[in-house]
Amino acid sequence: MIAKTISLLLPALLPSWRFFKTVAASPRVELRVDAGDWQEARPIPERVGLARMARRLVWNPRRNEQLYMVSLSERLAEDGRDHARAELERLVRAGLTEGERFQFRLVFLQREGTQIVKFIDYESPVLPVAEHVS
């Protein structure tokens, strides 16, 4: 009886630090506007100043949106959910100018020997940026 109680209580006192079942590469969202070159859809800045970093500890909606895009990308890569595709399309479209045409794709980076190789998992059709898209 005491052993059973301790076995139930122990995980609450000493939690596991295994947050994820597996650790795998996250897809990156790349964007191409008007048949141009592919580029990262929401690039993370290489440098952030101390004041900006401190402000980001409290308020960072852009990074939250980037994390949401990663989550949507993982869902789309996993099982091709229409909702994930539509949301990614909406988020990518939001930063573009009316009249432009764009594509987005999901890219995984894999190490093969000494090289890093891009693996394209999904590529959208060419889509228009309409005036009143929500």
Protein backbone atom coordinates (compact mmCIF):
# COMPACT_ATOMS: atom_id res chain seq x y z
CA MET A 1 0.00 0.00 0.00
CA ILE A 2 2.78 2.47 0.93
CA ALA A 3 4.80 1.42 -2.13
CA LYS A 4 1.80 2.12 -4.36
CA THR A 5 1.31 5.57 -2.81
CA ILE A 6 5.00 6.42 -3.23
CA SER A 7 4.93 5.24 -6.86
CA LEU A 8 1.99 7.59 -7.51
CA LEU A 9 3.53 10.50 -5.61
CA LEU A 10 7.07 10.21 -6.98
CA PRO A 11 6.31 11.56 -10.50
CA ALA A 12 4.75 14.68 -8.94
CA LEU A 13 7.79 15.29 -6.75
CA LEU A 14 10.41 14.46 -9.37
CA PRO A 15 8.91 15.23 -12.78
CA SER A 16 10.37 13.88 -15.97
CA TRP A 17 12.22 16.32 -18.17
CA ARG A 18 11.19 14.48 -21.31
CA PHE A 19 8.79 16.99 -22.85
CA PHE A 20 8.67 15.41 -26.30
CA LYS A 21 8.28 11.81 -27.36
CA THR A 22 10.90 12.26 -30.07
CA VAL A 23 13.15 15.06 -31.15
CA ALA A 24 13.05 15.59 -34.89
CA ALA A 25 13.85 18.35 -37.34
CA SER A 26 11.26 21.11 -37.59
CA PRO A 27 10.14 22.16 -41.03
CA ARG A 28 11.08 25.61 -42.25
CA VAL A 29 8.62 27.68 -44.24
CA GLU A 30 10.10 29.23 -47.38
CA LEU A 31 8.40 31.81 -49.58
CA ARG A 32 8.72 32.82 -53.22
CA VAL A 33 7.07 36.02 -54.48
CA ASP A 34 6.36 36.59 -58.19
CA ALA A 35 8.51 33.59 -59.25
CA GLY A 36 11.58 35.01 -57.49
CA ASP A 37 14.06 33.14 -55.33
CA TRP A 38 13.00 31.08 -52.34
CA GLN A 39 13.66 32.75 -48.99
CA GLU A 40 12.74 32.05 -45.37
CA ALA A 41 9.20 33.27 -44.70
CA ARG A 42 9.82 34.78 -41.25
CA PRO A 43 13.57 35.00 -40.70
CA ILE A 44 14.86 35.37 -37.16
CA PRO A 45 17.22 38.33 -36.78
CA GLU A 46 20.87 37.41 -36.38
CA ARG A 47 21.39 39.98 -33.61
CA VAL A 48 19.09 41.46 -31.03
CA GLY A 49 20.11 44.31 -28.72
CA LEU A 50 19.87 44.02 -24.95
CA ALA A 51 16.89 46.41 -24.62
CA ARG A 52 14.98 44.64 -27.38
CA MET A 53 15.80 41.25 -25.86
CA ALA A 54 14.47 42.39 -22.46
CA ARG A 55 11.27 43.69 -24.08
CA ARG A 56 10.85 40.38 -25.91
CA LEU A 57 10.76 38.53 -22.59
CA VAL A 58 7.40 40.22 -21.96
CA TRP A 59 6.04 41.01 -25.44
CA ASN A 60 7.02 39.09 -28.57
CA PRO A 61 4.00 38.44 -30.83
CA ARG A 62 6.17 37.97 -33.94
CA ARG A 63 8.06 35.06 -32.37
CA ASN A 64 4.79 33.56 -31.14
CA GLU A 65 3.52 33.70 -34.71
CA GLN A 66 6.72 32.01 -35.92
CA LEU A 67 6.20 29.22 -33.40
CA TYR A 68 2.59 28.89 -34.57
CA MET A 69 3.83 28.57 -38.15
CA VAL A 70 6.21 25.78 -37.08
CA SER A 71 3.34 23.97 -35.36
CA LEU A 72 1.15 24.33 -38.46
CA SER A 73 4.02 23.15 -40.66
CA GLU A 74 4.50 20.05 -38.55
CA ARG A 75 0.79 19.25 -38.80
CA LEU A 76 0.80 19.78 -42.55
CA ALA A 77 3.90 17.61 -42.99
CA GLU A 78 2.49 14.91 -40.73
CA ASP A 79 -0.92 14.40 -42.27
CA GLY A 80 -1.66 17.15 -44.80
CA ARG A 81 -4.39 18.87 -42.77
CA ASP A 82 -6.36 21.43 -44.77
CA HIS A 83 -6.69 23.73 -41.76
CA ALA A 84 -2.90 23.85 -41.30
CA ARG A 85 -2.39 24.58 -45.02
CA ALA A 86 -5.02 27.33 -45.02
CA GLU A 87 -3.60 28.96 -41.86
CA LEU A 88 -0.05 28.88 -43.24
CA GLU A 89 -1.31 30.39 -46.46
CA ARG A 90 -3.06 33.16 -44.50
CA LEU A 91 0.00 33.95 -42.37
CA VAL A 92 2.38 34.03 -45.33
CA ARG A 93 -0.05 36.14 -47.37
CA ALA A 94 -0.40 38.68 -44.53
CA GLY A 95 3.03 40.20 -45.16
CA LEU A 96 2.62 40.58 -48.91
CA THR A 97 1.35 43.36 -51.16
CA GLU A 98 -1.90 43.14 -53.10
CA GLY A 99 -1.39 42.04 -56.68
CA GLU A 100 1.62 39.84 -55.95
CA ARG A 101 1.60 36.10 -56.52
CA PHE A 102 3.36 33.76 -54.12
CA GLN A 103 4.17 30.19 -53.23
CA PHE A 104 5.30 28.66 -49.98
CA ARG A 105 6.91 25.35 -49.21
CA LEU A 106 7.98 23.27 -46.24
CA VAL A 107 11.64 22.35 -46.16
CA PHE A 108 13.45 19.95 -43.84
CA LEU A 109 17.22 20.10 -43.47
CA GLN A 110 18.95 16.73 -43.12
CA ARG A 111 22.58 15.86 -42.61
CA GLU A 112 23.95 13.35 -45.09
CA GLY A 113 27.58 12.72 -44.30
CA THR A 114 29.27 16.11 -44.16
CA GLN A 115 26.60 17.91 -46.19
CA ILE A 116 23.26 19.41 -45.19
CA VAL A 117 20.59 18.58 -47.74
CA LYS A 118 17.20 20.26 -48.19
CA PHE A 119 14.20 17.96 -48.43
CA ILE A 120 11.02 19.60 -49.76
CA ASP A 121 7.97 18.08 -48.08
CA TYR A 122 5.21 20.32 -49.45
CA GLU A 123 4.99 23.03 -52.09
CA SER A 124 1.86 25.11 -52.54
CA PRO A 125 0.47 26.13 -55.91
CA VAL A 126 1.03 29.73 -57.03
CA LEU A 127 -1.45 31.84 -55.09
CA PRO A 128 -2.65 35.43 -55.56
CA VAL A 129 -2.62 38.10 -52.87
CA ALA A 130 -6.17 39.40 -52.96
CA GLU A 131 -7.39 42.69 -51.50
CA HIS A 132 -9.73 41.48 -48.74
CA VAL A 133 -8.27 38.19 -47.58
CA SER A 134 -8.76 37.28 -43.93
